[in-house]
């Protein structure tokens, strides 16, 4: 992600999703996905485990996979 996508601007909002447009959970999800070693995309259970290390409550499967799907639609 370039700095142009992470810096707030006064320009009219474009159709491109920025870091600031994402929910906090979605940002956390992207961060833990980026931390996973290897060339393959991380599996949902791996992401869930890493998120549960950050959150005090268990992560609901529905919440995880709904947000993964939403992020995929934005790509």
PDB file of N, CA and C in Angstrom:
ATOM      1  N   UNK A   1       0.843  -1.158   0.000  1.00  0.00           N
ATOM      2  CA  UNK A   1       0.000   0.000   0.000  1.00  0.00           C
ATOM      3  C   UNK A   1       0.897   1.233   0.000  1.00  0.00           C
ATOM      4  N   UNK A   2       0.664   2.129  -0.909  1.00  0.00           N
ATOM      5  CA  UNK A   2       1.490   3.330  -0.979  1.00  0.00           C
ATOM      6  C   UNK A   2       0.986   4.378   0.005  1.00  0.00           C
ATOM      7  N   UNK A   3       1.811   5.377   0.255  1.00  0.00           N
ATOM      8  CA  UNK A   3       1.429   6.447   1.167  1.00  0.00           C
ATOM      9  C   UNK A   3       0.198   7.193   0.668  1.00  0.00           C
ATOM     10  N   UNK A   4       0.012   7.233  -0.633  1.00  0.00           N
ATOM     11  CA  UNK A   4      -1.129   7.950  -1.191  1.00  0.00           C
ATOM     12  C   UNK A   4      -2.445   7.343  -0.716  1.00  0.00           C
ATOM     13  N   UNK A   5      -2.444   6.058  -0.413  1.00  0.00           N
ATOM     14  CA  UNK A   5      -3.672   5.401   0.017  1.00  0.00           C
ATOM     15  C   UNK A   5      -3.858   5.450   1.527  1.00  0.00           C
ATOM     16  N   UNK A   6      -2.864   5.851   2.266  1.00  0.00           N
ATOM     17  CA  UNK A   6      -2.972   5.836   3.714  1.00  0.00           C
ATOM     18  C   UNK A   6      -3.042   7.231   4.315  1.00  0.00           C
ATOM     19  N   UNK A   7      -2.856   8.259   3.506  1.00  0.00           N
ATOM     20  CA  UNK A   7      -2.884   9.619   4.008  1.00  0.00           C
ATOM     21  C   UNK A   7      -4.251  10.245   3.727  1.00  0.00           C
ATOM     22  N   UNK A   8      -4.879  10.842   4.748  1.00  0.00           N
ATOM     23  CA  UNK A   8      -6.163  11.503   4.513  1.00  0.00           C
ATOM     24  C   UNK A   8      -5.989  12.715   3.594  1.00  0.00           C
ATOM     25  N   UNK A   9      -6.987  12.966   2.790  1.00  0.00           N
ATOM     26  CA  UNK A   9      -6.941  14.112   1.880  1.00  0.00           C
ATOM     27  C   UNK A   9      -8.273  14.835   1.922  1.00  0.00           C
ATOM     28  N   UNK A  10      -8.298  16.028   1.330  1.00  0.00           N
ATOM     29  CA  UNK A  10      -9.531  16.795   1.206  1.00  0.00           C
ATOM     30  C   UNK A  10     -10.209  16.538  -0.138  1.00  0.00           C
ATOM     31  N   UNK A  11      -9.607  15.658  -0.946  1.00  0.00           N
ATOM     32  CA  UNK A  11     -10.156  15.376  -2.259  1.00  0.00           C
ATOM     33  C   UNK A  11     -11.447  14.578  -2.128  1.00  0.00           C
ATOM     34  N   UNK A  12     -12.350  14.712  -3.099  1.00  0.00           N
ATOM     35  CA  UNK A  12     -13.582  13.925  -3.053  1.00  0.00           C
ATOM     36  C   UNK A  12     -13.264  12.439  -2.985  1.00  0.00           C
ATOM     37  N   UNK A  13     -14.103  11.693  -2.300  1.00  0.00           N
ATOM     38  CA  UNK A  13     -13.891  10.256  -2.117  1.00  0.00           C
ATOM     39  C   UNK A  13     -14.004   9.528  -3.453  1.00  0.00           C
ATOM     40  N   UNK A  14     -13.014   8.712  -3.743  1.00  0.00           N
ATOM     41  CA  UNK A  14     -13.047   7.927  -4.972  1.00  0.00           C
ATOM     42  C   UNK A  14     -13.665   6.569  -4.681  1.00  0.00           C
ATOM     43  N   UNK A  15     -13.794   5.736  -5.700  1.00  0.00           N
ATOM     44  CA  UNK A  15     -14.349   4.398  -5.540  1.00  0.00           C
ATOM     45  C   UNK A  15     -13.354   3.440  -4.916  1.00  0.00           C
ATOM     46  N   UNK A  16     -12.107   3.839  -4.779  1.00  0.00           N
ATOM     47  CA  UNK A  16     -11.074   2.975  -4.225  1.00  0.00           C
ATOM     48  C   UNK A  16     -11.161   2.953  -2.701  1.00  0.00           C
ATOM     49  N   UNK A  17     -11.126   1.754  -2.141  1.00  0.00           N
ATOM     50  CA  UNK A  17     -11.169   1.601  -0.690  1.00  0.00           C
ATOM     51  C   UNK A  17      -9.802   1.891  -0.102  1.00  0.00           C
ATOM     52  N   UNK A  18      -9.766   2.674   0.955  1.00  0.00           N
ATOM     53  CA  UNK A  18      -8.516   2.989   1.631  1.00  0.00           C
ATOM     54  C   UNK A  18      -8.499   2.326   2.994  1.00  0.00           C
ATOM     55  N   UNK A  19      -7.351   2.389   3.639  1.00  0.00           N
ATOM     56  CA  UNK A  19      -7.174   1.825   4.983  1.00  0.00           C
ATOM     57  C   UNK A  19      -8.215   2.400   5.940  1.00  0.00           C
ATOM     58  N   UNK A  20      -8.516   3.686   5.793  1.00  0.00           N
ATOM     59  CA  UNK A  20      -9.443   4.370   6.686  1.00  0.00           C
ATOM     60  C   UNK A  20     -10.898   3.964   6.444  1.00  0.00           C
ATOM     61  N   UNK A  21     -11.198   3.414   5.290  1.00  0.00           N
ATOM     62  CA  UNK A  21     -12.552   2.975   4.980  1.00  0.00           C
ATOM     63  C   UNK A  21     -12.890   1.639   5.634  1.00  0.00           C
ATOM     64  N   UNK A  22     -11.866   0.890   6.020  1.00  0.00           N
ATOM     65  CA  UNK A  22     -12.080  -0.442   6.579  1.00  0.00           C
ATOM     66  C   UNK A  22     -12.481  -0.373   8.045  1.00  0.00           C
ATOM     67  N   UNK A  23     -13.218  -1.388   8.487  1.00  0.00           N
ATOM     68  CA  UNK A  23     -13.533  -1.530   9.905  1.00  0.00           C
ATOM     69  C   UNK A  23     -12.272  -1.906  10.658  1.00  0.00           C
ATOM     70  N   UNK A  24     -12.223  -1.622  11.933  1.00  0.00           N
ATOM     71  CA  UNK A  24     -11.067  -1.974  12.752  1.00  0.00           C
ATOM     72  C   UNK A  24     -10.767  -3.466  12.689  1.00  0.00           C
ATOM     73  N   UNK A  25     -11.803  -4.296  12.724  1.00  0.00           N
ATOM     74  CA  UNK A  25     -11.603  -5.741  12.650  1.00  0.00           C
ATOM     75  C   UNK A  25     -10.986  -6.134  11.310  1.00  0.00           C
ATOM     76  N   UNK A  26     -11.422  -5.479  10.237  1.00  0.00           N
ATOM     77  CA  UNK A  26     -10.866  -5.774   8.917  1.00  0.00           C
ATOM     78  C   UNK A  26      -9.399  -5.372   8.839  1.00  0.00           C
ATOM     79  N   UNK A  27      -9.040  -4.249   9.437  1.00  0.00           N
ATOM     80  CA  UNK A  27      -7.632  -3.844   9.458  1.00  0.00           C
ATOM     81  C   UNK A  27      -6.800  -4.848  10.253  1.00  0.00           C
ATOM     82  N   UNK A  28      -7.326  -5.291  11.413  1.00  0.00           N
ATOM     83  CA  UNK A  28      -6.618  -6.296  12.209  1.00  0.00           C
ATOM     84  C   UNK A  28      -6.463  -7.589  11.418  1.00  0.00           C
ATOM     85  N   UNK A  29      -7.486  -7.954  10.682  1.00  0.00           N
ATOM     86  CA  UNK A  29      -7.457  -9.165   9.868  1.00  0.00           C
ATOM     87  C   UNK A  29      -6.372  -9.080   8.797  1.00  0.00           C
ATOM     88  N   UNK A  30      -6.261  -7.948   8.147  1.00  0.00           N
ATOM     89  CA  UNK A  30      -5.209  -7.765   7.142  1.00  0.00           C
ATOM     90  C   UNK A  30      -3.824  -7.793   7.776  1.00  0.00           C
ATOM     91  N   UNK A  31      -3.694  -7.217   8.954  1.00  0.00           N
ATOM     92  CA  UNK A  31      -2.390  -7.207   9.633  1.00  0.00           C
ATOM     93  C   UNK A  31      -1.950  -8.617  10.010  1.00  0.00           C
ATOM     94  N   UNK A  32      -2.853  -9.430  10.559  1.00  0.00           N
ATOM     95  CA  UNK A  32      -2.445 -10.786  10.934  1.00  0.00           C
ATOM     96  C   UNK A  32      -2.195 -11.629   9.690  1.00  0.00           C
ATOM     97  N   UNK A  33      -2.922 -11.370   8.603  1.00  0.00           N
ATOM     98  CA  UNK A  33      -2.681 -12.100   7.356  1.00  0.00           C
ATOM     99  C   UNK A  33      -1.292 -11.782   6.815  1.00  0.00           C
ATOM    100  N   UNK A  34      -0.874 -10.534   6.960  1.00  0.00           N
ATOM    101  CA  UNK A  34       0.449 -10.122   6.472  1.00  0.00           C
ATOM    102  C   UNK A  34       1.571 -10.726   7.308  1.00  0.00           C
ATOM    103  N   UNK A  35       1.276 -11.075   8.553  1.00  0.00           N
ATOM    104  CA  UNK A  35       2.290 -11.640   9.445  1.00  0.00           C
ATOM    105  C   UNK A  35       2.529 -13.124   9.221  1.00  0.00           C
ATOM    106  N   UNK A  36       1.631 -13.798   8.523  1.00  0.00           N
ATOM    107  CA  UNK A  36       1.744 -15.245   8.321  1.00  0.00           C
ATOM    108  C   UNK A  36       2.881 -15.527   7.352  1.00  0.00           C
ATOM    109  N   UNK A  37       3.779 -16.409   7.762  1.00  0.00           N
ATOM    110  CA  UNK A  37       4.915 -16.780   6.920  1.00  0.00           C
ATOM    111  C   UNK A  37       4.463 -17.709   5.798  1.00  0.00           C
ATOM    112  N   UNK A  38       5.187 -17.674   4.705  1.00  0.00           N
ATOM    113  CA  UNK A  38       4.905 -18.557   3.590  1.00  0.00           C
ATOM    114  C   UNK A  38       4.339 -17.803   2.411  1.00  0.00           C
ATOM    115  N   UNK A  39       4.315 -18.473   1.296  1.00  0.00           N
ATOM    116  CA  UNK A  39       3.837 -17.842   0.072  1.00  0.00           C
ATOM    117  C   UNK A  39       2.356 -18.042  -0.154  1.00  0.00           C
ATOM    118  N   UNK A  40       1.755 -19.058   0.488  1.00  0.00           N
ATOM    119  CA  UNK A  40       0.326 -19.306   0.323  1.00  0.00           C
ATOM    120  C   UNK A  40      -0.482 -18.338   1.166  1.00  0.00           C
ATOM    121  N   UNK A  41      -1.716 -18.094   0.748  1.00  0.00           N
ATOM    122  CA  UNK A  41      -2.609 -17.295   1.562  1.00  0.00           C
ATOM    123  C   UNK A  41      -2.910 -18.051   2.847  1.00  0.00           C
ATOM    124  N   UNK A  42      -2.976 -17.353   3.969  1.00  0.00           N
ATOM    125  CA  UNK A  42      -3.236 -18.037   5.233  1.00  0.00           C
ATOM    126  C   UNK A  42      -4.648 -18.598   5.289  1.00  0.00           C
ATOM    127  N   UNK A  43      -4.803 -19.689   5.999  1.00  0.00           N
ATOM    128  CA  UNK A  43      -6.105 -20.330   6.179  1.00  0.00           C
ATOM    129  C   UNK A  43      -6.898 -19.577   7.241  1.00  0.00           C
ATOM    130  N   UNK A  44      -8.219 -19.698   7.175  1.00  0.00           N
ATOM    131  CA  UNK A  44      -9.096 -19.011   8.118  1.00  0.00           C
ATOM    132  C   UNK A  44      -8.804 -19.350   9.563  1.00  0.00           C
ATOM    133  N   UNK A  45      -8.538 -20.622   9.862  1.00  0.00           N
ATOM    134  CA  UNK A  45      -8.274 -21.009  11.249  1.00  0.00           C
ATOM    135  C   UNK A  45      -6.965 -20.419  11.763  1.00  0.00           C
ATOM    136  N   UNK A  46      -5.982 -20.269  10.885  1.00  0.00           N
ATOM    137  CA  UNK A  46      -4.724 -19.627  11.265  1.00  0.00           C
ATOM    138  C   UNK A  46      -4.973 -18.170  11.618  1.00  0.00           C
ATOM    139  N   UNK A  47      -5.760 -17.489  10.790  1.00  0.00           N
ATOM    140  CA  UNK A  47      -6.083 -16.094  11.055  1.00  0.00           C
ATOM    141  C   UNK A  47      -6.875 -15.958  12.349  1.00  0.00           C
ATOM    142  N   UNK A  48      -7.837 -16.858  12.551  1.00  0.00           N
ATOM    143  CA  UNK A  48      -8.651 -16.813  13.754  1.00  0.00           C
ATOM    144  C   UNK A  48      -7.786 -16.963  15.005  1.00  0.00           C
ATOM    145  N   UNK A  49      -6.864 -17.902  14.968  1.00  0.00           N
ATOM    146  CA  UNK A  49      -5.976 -18.127  16.105  1.00  0.00           C
ATOM    147  C   UNK A  49      -5.148 -16.881  16.408  1.00  0.00           C
ATOM    148  N   UNK A  50      -4.622 -16.250  15.377  1.00  0.00           N
ATOM    149  CA  UNK A  50      -3.808 -15.049  15.576  1.00  0.00           C
ATOM    150  C   UNK A  50      -4.641 -13.870  16.061  1.00  0.00           C
ATOM    151  N   UNK A  51      -5.871 -13.779  15.581  1.00  0.00           N
ATOM    152  CA  UNK A  51      -6.747 -12.707  16.049  1.00  0.00           C
ATOM    153  C   UNK A  51      -7.133 -12.920  17.512  1.00  0.00           C
ATOM    154  N   UNK A  52      -7.366 -14.163  17.890  1.00  0.00           N
ATOM    155  CA  UNK A  52      -7.743 -14.453  19.273  1.00  0.00           C
ATOM    156  C   UNK A  52      -6.608 -14.123  20.234  1.00  0.00           C
ATOM    157  N   UNK A  53      -5.378 -14.132  19.746  1.00  0.00           N
ATOM    158  CA  UNK A  53      -4.243 -13.705  20.568  1.00  0.00           C
ATOM    159  C   UNK A  53      -4.307 -12.198  20.849  1.00  0.00           C
ATOM    160  N   UNK A  54      -4.961 -11.449  19.963  1.00  0.00           N
ATOM    161  CA  UNK A  54      -5.056  -9.993  20.094  1.00  0.00           C
ATOM    162  C   UNK A  54      -6.322  -9.541  20.812  1.00  0.00           C
ATOM    163  N   UNK A  55      -7.388 -10.324  20.702  1.00  0.00           N
ATOM    164  CA  UNK A  55      -8.678  -9.956  21.271  1.00  0.00           C
ATOM    165  C   UNK A  55      -8.927 -10.729  22.566  1.00  0.00           C
ATOM    166  N   UNK A  56      -9.672 -10.130  23.475  1.00  0.00           N
ATOM    167  CA  UNK A  56      -9.952 -10.794  24.751  1.00  0.00           C
ATOM    168  C   UNK A  56     -11.074 -11.828  24.624  1.00  0.00           C
ATOM    169  N   UNK A  57     -11.946 -11.692  23.647  1.00  0.00           N
ATOM    170  CA  UNK A  57     -13.050 -12.633  23.439  1.00  0.00           C
ATOM    171  C   UNK A  57     -12.769 -13.520  22.239  1.00  0.00           C
ATOM    172  N   UNK A  58     -13.350 -14.724  22.217  1.00  0.00           N
ATOM    173  CA  UNK A  58     -13.179 -15.603  21.052  1.00  0.00           C
ATOM    174  C   UNK A  58     -13.746 -14.943  19.788  1.00  0.00           C
ATOM    175  N   UNK A  59     -13.151 -15.284  18.659  1.00  0.00           N
ATOM    176  CA  UNK A  59     -13.596 -14.761  17.363  1.00  0.00           C
ATOM    177  C   UNK A  59     -14.653 -15.697  16.797  1.00  0.00           C
ATOM    178  N   UNK A  60     -15.785 -15.147  16.422  1.00  0.00           N
ATOM    179  CA  UNK A  60     -16.882 -15.904  15.836  1.00  0.00           C
ATOM    180  C   UNK A  60     -16.549 -16.242  14.382  1.00  0.00           C
ATOM    181  N   UNK A  61     -16.777 -17.512  13.997  1.00  0.00           N
ATOM    182  CA  UNK A  61     -16.505 -17.938  12.608  1.00  0.00           C
ATOM    183  C   UNK A  61     -17.222 -17.052  11.596  1.00  0.00           C
ATOM    184  N   UNK A  62     -18.486 -16.761  11.877  1.00  0.00           N
ATOM    185  CA  UNK A  62     -19.270 -15.938  10.951  1.00  0.00           C
ATOM    186  C   UNK A  62     -18.678 -14.566  10.756  1.00  0.00           C
ATOM    187  N   UNK A  63     -18.225 -13.968  11.840  1.00  0.00           N
ATOM    188  CA  UNK A  63     -17.608 -12.642  11.758  1.00  0.00           C
ATOM    189  C   UNK A  63     -16.343 -12.698  10.924  1.00  0.00           C
ATOM    190  N   UNK A  64     -15.524 -13.711  11.164  1.00  0.00           N
ATOM    191  CA  UNK A  64     -14.265 -13.849  10.440  1.00  0.00           C
ATOM    192  C   UNK A  64     -14.506 -14.009   8.941  1.00  0.00           C
ATOM    193  N   UNK A  65     -15.321 -14.986   8.581  1.00  0.00           N
ATOM    194  CA  UNK A  65     -15.489 -15.293   7.162  1.00  0.00           C
ATOM    195  C   UNK A  65     -16.301 -14.237   6.421  1.00  0.00           C
ATOM    196  N   UNK A  66     -17.223 -13.572   7.102  1.00  0.00           N
ATOM    197  CA  UNK A  66     -17.955 -12.469   6.470  1.00  0.00           C
ATOM    198  C   UNK A  66     -16.999 -11.335   6.133  1.00  0.00           C
ATOM    199  N   UNK A  67     -16.112 -11.012   7.071  1.00  0.00           N
ATOM    200  CA  UNK A  67     -15.151  -9.933   6.830  1.00  0.00           C
ATOM    201  C   UNK A  67     -14.104 -10.323   5.793  1.00  0.00           C
ATOM    202  N   UNK A  68     -13.693 -11.584   5.773  1.00  0.00           N
ATOM    203  CA  UNK A  68     -12.775 -12.042   4.722  1.00  0.00           C
ATOM    204  C   UNK A  68     -13.421 -11.892   3.350  1.00  0.00           C
ATOM    205  N   UNK A  69     -14.680 -12.264   3.267  1.00  0.00           N
ATOM    206  CA  UNK A  69     -15.412 -12.143   1.996  1.00  0.00           C
ATOM    207  C   UNK A  69     -15.532 -10.694   1.576  1.00  0.00           C
ATOM    208  N   UNK A  70     -15.848  -9.823   2.537  1.00  0.00           N
ATOM    209  CA  UNK A  70     -15.958  -8.383   2.224  1.00  0.00           C
ATOM    210  C   UNK A  70     -14.623  -7.826   1.732  1.00  0.00           C
ATOM    211  N   UNK A  71     -13.538  -8.231   2.364  1.00  0.00           N
ATOM    212  CA  UNK A  71     -12.217  -7.762   1.930  1.00  0.00           C
ATOM    213  C   UNK A  71     -11.875  -8.281   0.539  1.00  0.00           C
ATOM    214  N   UNK A  72     -12.248  -9.512   0.266  1.00  0.00           N
ATOM    215  CA  UNK A  72     -11.990 -10.083  -1.052  1.00  0.00           C
ATOM    216  C   UNK A  72     -12.780  -9.318  -2.116  1.00  0.00           C
ATOM    217  N   UNK A  73     -14.003  -8.936  -1.800  1.00  0.00           N
ATOM    218  CA  UNK A  73     -14.825  -8.167  -2.754  1.00  0.00           C
ATOM    219  C   UNK A  73     -14.215  -6.799  -3.044  1.00  0.00           C
ATOM    220  N   UNK A  74     -13.507  -6.234  -2.077  1.00  0.00           N
ATOM    221  CA  UNK A  74     -12.880  -4.931  -2.246  1.00  0.00           C
ATOM    222  C   UNK A  74     -11.605  -4.992  -3.074  1.00  0.00           C
ATOM    223  N   UNK A  75     -10.999  -6.175  -3.166  1.00  0.00           N
ATOM    224  CA  UNK A  75      -9.716  -6.334  -3.867  1.00  0.00           C
ATOM    225  C   UNK A  75      -9.871  -6.166  -5.356  1.00  0.00           C
TER     226      UNK A  75
END
